[in-house]
Amino acid sequence: MKGKKAEFIVDFSRVKEDKQKRIHNNFTELYAWMFTYLQSEANLREKVRAKHLFRHKLGLPKDAVLTDDLQVHFEHWLLFDYVTVIGSRVFDMFVRGKKNELSKQQLEICGIMMLMHLEPIQIIEKKKNKIMYTPLFETKNKQIEATPYLFPGKFHEGDLVLSRVLKMGIENKLIGPSIQVSPSYYKDVVKRLEKNYAEGPSVYRRYLKEYGIDMLQYKH
């Protein structure tokens, strides 16, 4: 109408929600795609080699059949952490092979996931489908909220856990199954981790990427 100015109201909370939903949808598609690749395209010899190494890391017999729980841990370790004979990780090979098919947002998520490793955290509280935690050795007592993705876990206050934490938009997600350390091993595990933490951030991250899965030996 003449004499009146049009008013435009931007609902920023709605914009933020829509953006987060797009990120989540892109990740959901990406996650399914990665494990389809692992099952149907990853090198069979590498899978066999990886399973032998996995059993060795956990002190299992060479011909031990993995339980369903250990199989899920194995598949995530194989995808994200295992190093092939040519020095690449299966996840990196997936990204290189599919880079022309992945969306821009999926490539951005992949870039963050490449830095992901099993991170030692202390559970502070669990609320419905979310947890509050603080990173182990965090001197500032920083509290972080995260949502387990597909693998809720039975977390309790004070639990020592190793999880792959992914910053996805404004949310933190725990990717894959977590390793809940048995209280009887807390002292030994913390001592082992502390020794590497003292060597500095890069050494600590490298250690967790290579040896984090070994903590399955101390699983609750």
C-alpha atoms as a PDB file:
ATOM      1  CA  MET A   1       0.000   0.000   0.000  1.00  0.00           C
ATOM      2  CA  LYS A   2       1.109   3.561  -0.699  1.00  0.00           C
ATOM      3  CA  GLY A   3       2.740   5.246   2.268  1.00  0.00           C
ATOM      4  CA  LYS A   4       3.530   1.969   4.011  1.00  0.00           C
ATOM      5  CA  LYS A   5       6.848   0.174   3.948  1.00  0.00           C
ATOM      6  CA  ALA A   6       6.932  -3.565   3.407  1.00  0.00           C
ATOM      7  CA  GLU A   7       8.298  -5.431   6.400  1.00  0.00           C
ATOM      8  CA  PHE A   8      10.483  -8.474   6.045  1.00  0.00           C
ATOM      9  CA  ILE A   9      11.106 -10.625   9.066  1.00  0.00           C
ATOM     10  CA  VAL A  10      13.837 -13.234   8.800  1.00  0.00           C
ATOM     11  CA  ASP A  11      13.345 -16.190  11.112  1.00  0.00           C
ATOM     12  CA  PHE A  12      17.006 -16.881  11.881  1.00  0.00           C
ATOM     13  CA  SER A  13      16.221 -19.841  14.112  1.00  0.00           C
ATOM     14  CA  ARG A  14      14.331 -21.437  11.211  1.00  0.00           C
ATOM     15  CA  VAL A  15      17.237 -20.722   8.849  1.00  0.00           C
ATOM     16  CA  LYS A  16      19.620 -22.358  11.314  1.00  0.00           C
ATOM     17  CA  GLU A  17      17.328 -25.376  11.701  1.00  0.00           C
ATOM     18  CA  ASP A  18      17.012 -25.811   7.928  1.00  0.00           C
ATOM     19  CA  LYS A  19      20.787 -25.581   7.483  1.00  0.00           C
ATOM     20  CA  GLN A  20      21.373 -28.158  10.223  1.00  0.00           C
ATOM     21  CA  LYS A  21      18.773 -30.457   8.666  1.00  0.00           C
ATOM     22  CA  ARG A  22      20.556 -30.285   5.283  1.00  0.00           C
ATOM     23  CA  ILE A  23      23.883 -31.118   6.927  1.00  0.00           C
ATOM     24  CA  HIS A  24      22.302 -34.047   8.765  1.00  0.00           C
ATOM     25  CA  ASN A  25      20.668 -35.382   5.583  1.00  0.00           C
ATOM     26  CA  ASN A  26      23.940 -35.104   3.671  1.00  0.00           C
ATOM     27  CA  PHE A  27      25.755 -36.945   6.439  1.00  0.00           C
ATOM     28  CA  THR A  28      23.115 -39.687   6.631  1.00  0.00           C
ATOM     29  CA  GLU A  29      23.469 -40.344   2.903  1.00  0.00           C
ATOM     30  CA  LEU A  30      27.262 -40.195   3.169  1.00  0.00           C
ATOM     31  CA  TYR A  31      27.388 -42.620   6.099  1.00  0.00           C
ATOM     32  CA  ALA A  32      25.322 -45.245   4.266  1.00  0.00           C
ATOM     33  CA  TRP A  33      27.394 -44.736   1.114  1.00  0.00           C
ATOM     34  CA  MET A  34      30.701 -45.245   2.971  1.00  0.00           C
ATOM     35  CA  PHE A  35      29.683 -48.603   4.393  1.00  0.00           C
ATOM     36  CA  THR A  36      28.219 -49.745   1.078  1.00  0.00           C
ATOM     37  CA  TYR A  37      31.622 -48.943  -0.426  1.00  0.00           C
ATOM     38  CA  LEU A  38      33.356 -50.825   2.377  1.00  0.00           C
ATOM     39  CA  GLN A  39      31.223 -53.896   1.760  1.00  0.00           C
ATOM     40  CA  SER A  40      31.209 -53.983  -2.029  1.00  0.00           C
ATOM     41  CA  GLU A  41      34.272 -52.098  -3.314  1.00  0.00           C
ATOM     42  CA  ALA A  42      37.022 -52.259  -0.700  1.00  0.00           C
ATOM     43  CA  ASN A  43      39.846 -54.699  -1.496  1.00  0.00           C
ATOM     44  CA  LEU A  44      39.115 -58.192  -0.159  1.00  0.00           C
ATOM     45  CA  ARG A  45      42.762 -58.923   0.671  1.00  0.00           C
ATOM     46  CA  GLU A  46      42.927 -55.746   2.719  1.00  0.00           C
ATOM     47  CA  LYS A  47      39.824 -56.803   4.627  1.00  0.00           C
ATOM     48  CA  VAL A  48      41.392 -60.165   5.442  1.00  0.00           C
ATOM     49  CA  ARG A  49      44.683 -58.527   6.445  1.00  0.00           C
ATOM     50  CA  ALA A  50      42.829 -55.981   8.566  1.00  0.00           C
ATOM     51  CA  LYS A  51      40.840 -58.643  10.396  1.00  0.00           C
ATOM     52  CA  HIS A  52      44.031 -60.543  11.273  1.00  0.00           C
ATOM     53  CA  LEU A  53      45.555 -57.319  12.625  1.00  0.00           C
ATOM     54  CA  PHE A  54      42.373 -56.490  14.519  1.00  0.00           C
ATOM     55  CA  ARG A  55      42.386 -59.890  16.242  1.00  0.00           C
ATOM     56  CA  HIS A  56      46.081 -59.458  17.053  1.00  0.00           C
ATOM     57  CA  LYS A  57      45.460 -56.026  18.608  1.00  0.00           C
ATOM     58  CA  LEU A  58      42.794 -57.479  20.877  1.00  0.00           C
ATOM     59  CA  GLY A  59      44.763 -60.604  21.736  1.00  0.00           C
ATOM     60  CA  LEU A  60      42.247 -62.902  20.057  1.00  0.00           C
ATOM     61  CA  PRO A  61      43.057 -66.274  18.434  1.00  0.00           C
ATOM     62  CA  LYS A  62      43.908 -66.028  14.729  1.00  0.00           C
ATOM     63  CA  ASP A  63      40.743 -67.855  13.679  1.00  0.00           C
ATOM     64  CA  ALA A  64      38.401 -66.292  16.265  1.00  0.00           C
ATOM     65  CA  VAL A  65      34.925 -65.432  14.943  1.00  0.00           C
ATOM     66  CA  LEU A  66      34.073 -61.844  15.856  1.00  0.00           C
ATOM     67  CA  THR A  67      30.923 -61.258  17.868  1.00  0.00           C
ATOM     68  CA  ASP A  68      28.347 -58.882  16.353  1.00  0.00           C
ATOM     69  CA  ASP A  69      29.571 -56.153  18.714  1.00  0.00           C
ATOM     70  CA  LEU A  70      33.221 -56.605  17.748  1.00  0.00           C
ATOM     71  CA  GLN A  71      32.292 -56.811  14.062  1.00  0.00           C
ATOM     72  CA  VAL A  72      30.751 -53.334  14.208  1.00  0.00           C
ATOM     73  CA  HIS A  73      33.859 -51.984  15.955  1.00  0.00           C
ATOM     74  CA  PHE A  74      36.015 -53.700  13.325  1.00  0.00           C
ATOM     75  CA  GLU A  75      34.109 -52.180  10.401  1.00  0.00           C
ATOM     76  CA  HIS A  76      34.426 -48.641  11.770  1.00  0.00           C
ATOM     77  CA  TRP A  77      38.121 -49.144  12.540  1.00  0.00           C
ATOM     78  CA  LEU A  78      38.676 -50.632   9.070  1.00  0.00           C
ATOM     79  CA  LEU A  79      37.009 -47.645   7.424  1.00  0.00           C
ATOM     80  CA  PHE A  80      38.481 -44.792   9.455  1.00  0.00           C
ATOM     81  CA  ASP A  81      41.743 -45.929  11.066  1.00  0.00           C
ATOM     82  CA  TYR A  82      43.246 -48.997   9.399  1.00  0.00           C
ATOM     83  CA  VAL A  83      46.205 -48.241   7.112  1.00  0.00           C
ATOM     84  CA  THR A  84      46.451 -50.346   3.939  1.00  0.00           C
ATOM     85  CA  VAL A  85      49.671 -51.862   2.535  1.00  0.00           C
ATOM     86  CA  ILE A  86      50.032 -48.804   0.248  1.00  0.00           C
ATOM     87  CA  GLY A  87      49.797 -46.445   3.229  1.00  0.00           C
ATOM     88  CA  SER A  88      46.247 -45.136   2.692  1.00  0.00           C
ATOM     89  CA  ARG A  89      43.139 -45.381   4.812  1.00  0.00           C
ATOM     90  CA  VAL A  90      40.026 -46.908   3.286  1.00  0.00           C
ATOM     91  CA  PHE A  91      38.041 -43.739   4.023  1.00  0.00           C
ATOM     92  CA  ASP A  92      40.607 -41.605   2.147  1.00  0.00           C
ATOM     93  CA  MET A  93      40.374 -43.988  -0.809  1.00  0.00           C
ATOM     94  CA  PHE A  94      36.579 -43.682  -0.746  1.00  0.00           C
ATOM     95  CA  VAL A  95      36.764 -39.883  -0.843  1.00  0.00           C
ATOM     96  CA  ARG A  96      39.308 -39.866  -3.688  1.00  0.00           C
ATOM     97  CA  GLY A  97      37.259 -42.361  -5.695  1.00  0.00           C
ATOM     98  CA  LYS A  98      33.907 -40.611  -5.188  1.00  0.00           C
ATOM     99  CA  LYS A  99      34.969 -36.948  -5.087  1.00  0.00           C
ATOM    100  CA  ASN A 100      33.167 -36.155  -8.338  1.00  0.00           C
ATOM    101  CA  GLU A 101      29.942 -37.711  -7.052  1.00  0.00           C
ATOM    102  CA  LEU A 102      29.941 -36.289  -3.526  1.00  0.00           C
ATOM    103  CA  SER A 103      28.148 -32.997  -2.930  1.00  0.00           C
ATOM    104  CA  LYS A 104      30.108 -29.939  -1.816  1.00  0.00           C
ATOM    105  CA  GLN A 105      28.710 -30.284   1.693  1.00  0.00           C
ATOM    106  CA  GLN A 106      29.556 -33.987   1.816  1.00  0.00           C
ATOM    107  CA  LEU A 107      33.139 -33.198   0.809  1.00  0.00           C
ATOM    108  CA  GLU A 108      33.306 -30.642   3.611  1.00  0.00           C
ATOM    109  CA  ILE A 109      32.037 -33.251   6.086  1.00  0.00           C
ATOM    110  CA  CYS A 110      34.609 -35.737   4.767  1.00  0.00           C
ATOM    111  CA  GLY A 111      37.365 -33.201   5.388  1.00  0.00           C
ATOM    112  CA  ILE A 112      36.352 -33.008   9.053  1.00  0.00           C
ATOM    113  CA  MET A 113      35.970 -36.778   9.331  1.00  0.00           C
ATOM    114  CA  MET A 114      39.541 -37.309   8.154  1.00  0.00           C
ATOM    115  CA  LEU A 115      40.686 -35.747  11.439  1.00  0.00           C
ATOM    116  CA  MET A 116      38.370 -37.928  13.514  1.00  0.00           C
ATOM    117  CA  HIS A 117      39.798 -40.478  15.946  1.00  0.00           C
ATOM    118  CA  LEU A 118      38.760 -42.377  19.057  1.00  0.00           C
ATOM    119  CA  GLU A 119      38.848 -39.656  21.705  1.00  0.00           C
ATOM    120  CA  PRO A 120      38.942 -40.422  25.456  1.00  0.00           C
ATOM    121  CA  ILE A 121      36.102 -38.623  27.225  1.00  0.00           C
ATOM    122  CA  GLN A 122      34.547 -38.659  30.688  1.00  0.00           C
ATOM    123  CA  ILE A 123      30.750 -38.838  30.845  1.00  0.00           C
ATOM    124  CA  ILE A 124      29.233 -36.154  33.060  1.00  0.00           C
ATOM    125  CA  GLU A 125      25.556 -36.770  32.440  1.00  0.00           C
ATOM    126  CA  LYS A 126      23.122 -38.471  30.074  1.00  0.00           C
ATOM    127  CA  LYS A 127      19.840 -36.787  29.159  1.00  0.00           C
ATOM    128  CA  LYS A 128      17.480 -38.779  26.970  1.00  0.00           C
ATOM    129  CA  ASN A 129      19.391 -39.167  23.683  1.00  0.00           C
ATOM    130  CA  LYS A 130      22.189 -36.705  24.503  1.00  0.00           C
ATOM    131  CA  ILE A 131      25.251 -36.836  26.704  1.00  0.00           C
ATOM    132  CA  MET A 132      27.376 -34.220  28.431  1.00  0.00           C
ATOM    133  CA  TYR A 133      31.074 -35.001  28.553  1.00  0.00           C
ATOM    134  CA  THR A 134      34.488 -33.502  29.133  1.00  0.00           C
ATOM    135  CA  PRO A 135      37.627 -34.546  27.218  1.00  0.00           C
ATOM    136  CA  LEU A 136      40.052 -36.564  29.333  1.00  0.00           C
ATOM    137  CA  PHE A 137      42.923 -34.408  30.692  1.00  0.00           C
ATOM    138  CA  GLU A 138      40.896 -31.231  29.945  1.00  0.00           C
ATOM    139  CA  THR A 139      42.161 -28.831  32.615  1.00  0.00           C
ATOM    140  CA  LYS A 140      39.431 -26.238  32.054  1.00  0.00           C
ATOM    141  CA  ASN A 141      36.695 -28.774  32.813  1.00  0.00           C
ATOM    142  CA  LYS A 142      35.033 -27.951  29.473  1.00  0.00           C
ATOM    143  CA  GLN A 143      31.589 -29.542  29.148  1.00  0.00           C
ATOM    144  CA  ILE A 144      30.404 -30.563  25.692  1.00  0.00           C
ATOM    145  CA  GLU A 145      27.015 -31.827  24.549  1.00  0.00           C
ATOM    146  CA  ALA A 146      26.852 -34.606  21.951  1.00  0.00           C
ATOM    147  CA  THR A 147      24.337 -36.983  20.420  1.00  0.00           C
ATOM    148  CA  PRO A 148      25.278 -40.614  19.672  1.00  0.00           C
ATOM    149  CA  TYR A 149      24.573 -41.441  16.023  1.00  0.00           C
ATOM    150  CA  LEU A 150      22.913 -44.867  15.587  1.00  0.00           C
ATOM    151  CA  PHE A 151      24.801 -46.368  18.543  1.00  0.00           C
ATOM    152  CA  PRO A 152      23.269 -44.918  21.740  1.00  0.00           C
ATOM    153  CA  GLY A 153      25.398 -46.852  24.233  1.00  0.00           C
ATOM    154  CA  LYS A 154      24.563 -47.320  27.915  1.00  0.00           C
ATOM    155  CA  PHE A 155      26.442 -44.379  29.344  1.00  0.00           C
ATOM    156  CA  HIS A 156      26.552 -43.493  33.032  1.00  0.00           C
ATOM    157  CA  GLU A 157      27.980 -40.590  34.983  1.00  0.00           C
ATOM    158  CA  GLY A 158      31.727 -40.997  35.470  1.00  0.00           C
ATOM    159  CA  ASP A 159      32.219 -43.527  32.642  1.00  0.00           C
ATOM    160  CA  LEU A 160      35.529 -43.417  30.784  1.00  0.00           C
ATOM    161  CA  VAL A 161      34.723 -43.786  27.094  1.00  0.00           C
ATOM    162  CA  LEU A 162      36.519 -43.581  23.757  1.00  0.00           C
ATOM    163  CA  SER A 163      34.349 -42.136  20.990  1.00  0.00           C
ATOM    164  CA  ARG A 164      34.755 -40.663  17.530  1.00  0.00           C
ATOM    165  CA  VAL A 165      33.409 -37.124  17.919  1.00  0.00           C
ATOM    166  CA  LEU A 166      32.310 -35.271  14.787  1.00  0.00           C
ATOM    167  CA  LYS A 167      31.435 -31.568  14.770  1.00  0.00           C
ATOM    168  CA  MET A 168      28.517 -31.465  12.344  1.00  0.00           C
ATOM    169  CA  GLY A 169      27.214 -27.943  11.878  1.00  0.00           C
ATOM    170  CA  ILE A 170      26.246 -26.718  15.352  1.00  0.00           C
ATOM    171  CA  GLU A 171      25.960 -30.248  16.764  1.00  0.00           C
ATOM    172  CA  ASN A 172      28.453 -32.815  17.993  1.00  0.00           C
ATOM    173  CA  LYS A 173      27.841 -36.439  17.006  1.00  0.00           C
ATOM    174  CA  LEU A 174      29.408 -39.607  18.353  1.00  0.00           C
ATOM    175  CA  ILE A 175      30.113 -41.669  15.240  1.00  0.00           C
ATOM    176  CA  GLY A 176      30.107 -45.440  15.445  1.00  0.00           C
ATOM    177  CA  PRO A 177      30.168 -47.562  18.605  1.00  0.00           C
ATOM    178  CA  SER A 178      31.988 -46.201  21.642  1.00  0.00           C
ATOM    179  CA  ILE A 179      34.417 -48.146  23.795  1.00  0.00           C
ATOM    180  CA  GLN A 180      33.287 -48.077  27.427  1.00  0.00           C
ATOM    181  CA  VAL A 181      36.301 -48.914  29.563  1.00  0.00           C
ATOM    182  CA  SER A 182      35.739 -51.237  32.508  1.00  0.00           C
ATOM    183  CA  PRO A 183      36.286 -49.389  35.839  1.00  0.00           C
ATOM    184  CA  SER A 184      38.800 -52.041  36.871  1.00  0.00           C
ATOM    185  CA  TYR A 185      41.071 -50.848  34.035  1.00  0.00           C
ATOM    186  CA  TYR A 186      40.620 -47.074  34.479  1.00  0.00           C
ATOM    187  CA  LYS A 187      43.960 -46.596  36.220  1.00  0.00           C
ATOM    188  CA  ASP A 188      45.950 -48.565  33.641  1.00  0.00           C
ATOM    189  CA  VAL A 189      44.203 -46.946  30.656  1.00  0.00           C
ATOM    190  CA  VAL A 190      44.586 -43.396  31.985  1.00  0.00           C
ATOM    191  CA  LYS A 191      48.282 -43.999  32.711  1.00  0.00           C
ATOM    192  CA  ARG A 192      48.817 -45.308  29.178  1.00  0.00           C
ATOM    193  CA  LEU A 193      46.976 -42.370  27.601  1.00  0.00           C
ATOM    194  CA  GLU A 194      48.593 -39.785  29.865  1.00  0.00           C
ATOM    195  CA  LYS A 195      52.062 -40.864  28.786  1.00  0.00           C
ATOM    196  CA  ASN A 196      51.219 -40.087  25.148  1.00  0.00           C
ATOM    197  CA  TYR A 197      49.259 -36.933  26.000  1.00  0.00           C
ATOM    198  CA  ALA A 198      52.417 -35.537  27.603  1.00  0.00           C
ATOM    199  CA  GLU A 199      54.194 -35.823  24.234  1.00  0.00           C
ATOM    200  CA  GLY A 200      51.991 -33.089  22.749  1.00  0.00           C
ATOM    201  CA  PRO A 201      48.749 -32.805  20.711  1.00  0.00           C
ATOM    202  CA  SER A 202      50.047 -34.204  17.397  1.00  0.00           C
ATOM    203  CA  VAL A 203      51.686 -37.248  19.004  1.00  0.00           C
ATOM    204  CA  TYR A 204      48.583 -37.841  21.113  1.00  0.00           C
ATOM    205  CA  ARG A 205      46.207 -37.684  18.121  1.00  0.00           C
ATOM    206  CA  ARG A 206      48.465 -39.971  16.086  1.00  0.00           C
ATOM    207  CA  TYR A 207      48.606 -42.446  18.953  1.00  0.00           C
ATOM    208  CA  LEU A 208      44.806 -42.494  19.309  1.00  0.00           C
ATOM    209  CA  LYS A 209      44.328 -42.904  15.557  1.00  0.00           C
ATOM    210  CA  GLU A 210      46.703 -45.879  15.492  1.00  0.00           C
ATOM    211  CA  TYR A 211      46.141 -47.489  18.880  1.00  0.00           C
ATOM    212  CA  GLY A 212      42.767 -46.215  20.146  1.00  0.00           C
ATOM    213  CA  ILE A 213      41.029 -49.407  19.039  1.00  0.00           C
ATOM    214  CA  ASP A 214      43.394 -51.398  21.309  1.00  0.00           C
ATOM    215  CA  MET A 215      41.353 -50.124  24.259  1.00  0.00           C
ATOM    216  CA  LEU A 216      38.685 -52.650  23.289  1.00  0.00           C
ATOM    217  CA  GLN A 217      40.767 -55.045  25.385  1.00  0.00           C
ATOM    218  CA  TYR A 218      39.569 -53.127  28.426  1.00  0.00           C
ATOM    219  CA  LYS A 219      35.932 -52.868  27.393  1.00  0.00           C
ATOM    220  CA  HIS A 220      33.224 -52.905  30.090  1.00  0.00           C
END
